[in-house]
Amino acid sequence: MHSHASCRLHRELGFWGVSVPVACFGFYEVAGHWPDLSNQEDLGKLGAEAFAFVNVARFAVPLRIGLALSTTPWVQENVVDKFLSKKDEK
């Protein structure tokens, strides 16, 4: 059984494992080349993109919580109750 901290670590690793390639591809699409970490201009652009990305990700947290809370009655009615009623019939 995984601890809460272990599950959080897996989610964080998954998030960053997807985010870094997406950010690099976004840079490539905008700049027309892969980021050159030895170039100060590219570092500035990459820093600005990272800043924007982190702010969008932080903005998404309340949206995710709101979505979870707003769908709770539907999930309870259409998933949990149906699953538990089938389990009780056996």
Protein backbone atom coordinates (compact mmCIF):
# COMPACT_ATOMS: atom_id res chain seq x y z
CA MET A 1 0.00 0.00 0.00
CA HIS A 2 1.35 3.42 -0.97
CA SER A 3 1.65 6.20 1.56
CA HIS A 4 0.08 9.59 0.87
CA ALA A 5 3.54 11.13 0.37
CA SER A 6 4.50 8.43 -2.12
CA CYS A 7 1.34 8.98 -4.18
CA ARG A 8 1.94 12.73 -4.16
CA LEU A 9 5.49 12.16 -5.38
CA HIS A 10 4.23 9.98 -8.23
CA ARG A 11 1.71 12.64 -9.27
CA GLU A 12 4.40 15.34 -9.18
CA LEU A 13 6.80 13.22 -11.23
CA GLY A 14 4.04 12.47 -13.72
CA PHE A 15 3.11 16.15 -13.97
CA TRP A 16 6.68 17.30 -14.58
CA GLY A 17 7.43 14.30 -16.81
CA VAL A 18 4.67 15.48 -19.14
CA SER A 19 5.17 19.22 -18.62
CA VAL A 20 8.85 19.47 -19.58
CA PRO A 21 8.45 17.88 -23.03
CA VAL A 22 5.31 19.94 -23.67
CA ALA A 23 7.13 23.15 -22.69
CA CYS A 24 10.12 22.28 -24.90
CA PHE A 25 7.84 21.51 -27.84
CA GLY A 26 5.96 24.78 -27.26
CA PHE A 27 9.27 26.65 -27.30
CA TYR A 28 10.22 24.91 -30.53
CA GLU A 29 6.90 25.84 -32.14
CA VAL A 30 7.19 29.50 -31.13
CA ALA A 31 10.94 30.08 -31.61
CA GLY A 32 11.49 27.68 -34.51
CA HIS A 33 14.37 25.89 -32.76
CA TRP A 34 15.05 23.86 -29.64
CA PRO A 35 16.12 25.85 -26.57
CA ASP A 36 19.87 26.49 -26.37
CA LEU A 37 20.74 26.68 -22.68
CA SER A 38 24.03 28.45 -23.46
CA ASN A 39 22.19 31.32 -25.21
CA GLN A 40 21.03 34.13 -22.88
CA GLU A 41 18.15 35.09 -25.19
CA ASP A 42 16.84 31.52 -25.24
CA LEU A 43 17.18 31.31 -21.46
CA GLY A 44 15.11 34.49 -21.12
CA LYS A 45 12.41 33.14 -23.43
CA LEU A 46 12.42 29.80 -21.65
CA GLY A 47 12.15 31.56 -18.27
CA ALA A 48 9.18 33.60 -19.47
CA GLU A 49 7.49 30.46 -20.81
CA ALA A 50 8.13 28.62 -17.52
CA PHE A 51 6.71 31.55 -15.54
CA ALA A 52 3.56 31.60 -17.67
CA PHE A 53 3.19 27.81 -17.49
CA VAL A 54 3.52 27.69 -13.69
CA ASN A 55 0.93 30.45 -13.31
CA VAL A 56 -1.52 28.63 -15.58
CA ALA A 57 -0.92 25.41 -13.61
CA ARG A 58 -1.54 27.25 -10.32
CA PHE A 59 -4.73 28.74 -11.78
CA ALA A 60 -5.91 25.26 -12.76
CA VAL A 61 -5.82 23.92 -9.17
CA PRO A 62 -9.01 25.73 -8.03
CA LEU A 63 -10.68 24.71 -11.29
CA ARG A 64 -9.83 21.06 -10.64
CA ILE A 65 -11.16 21.30 -7.09
CA GLY A 66 -14.33 23.00 -8.33
CA LEU A 67 -14.83 20.33 -10.96
CA ALA A 68 -14.36 17.58 -8.39
CA LEU A 69 -16.82 19.18 -5.99
CA SER A 70 -19.39 19.92 -8.68
CA THR A 71 -19.36 16.36 -10.01
CA THR A 72 -19.49 14.65 -6.61
CA PRO A 73 -23.29 14.12 -6.58
CA TRP A 74 -23.22 12.73 -10.13
CA VAL A 75 -20.34 10.35 -9.32
CA GLN A 76 -22.08 9.26 -6.11
CA GLU A 77 -25.33 8.54 -7.94
CA ASN A 78 -23.98 7.04 -11.18
CA VAL A 79 -20.83 5.24 -10.06
CA VAL A 80 -20.56 4.64 -6.33
CA ASP A 81 -24.18 3.76 -5.59
CA LYS A 82 -24.47 1.47 -8.63
CA PHE A 83 -21.19 -0.30 -7.78
CA LEU A 84 -22.13 -0.77 -4.14
CA SER A 85 -25.64 -2.01 -4.97
CA LYS A 86 -24.21 -4.65 -7.31
CA LYS A 87 -21.71 -5.70 -4.67
CA ASP A 88 -24.48 -6.00 -2.05
CA GLU A 89 -26.57 -8.24 -4.38
CA LYS A 90 -23.83 -10.88 -4.57
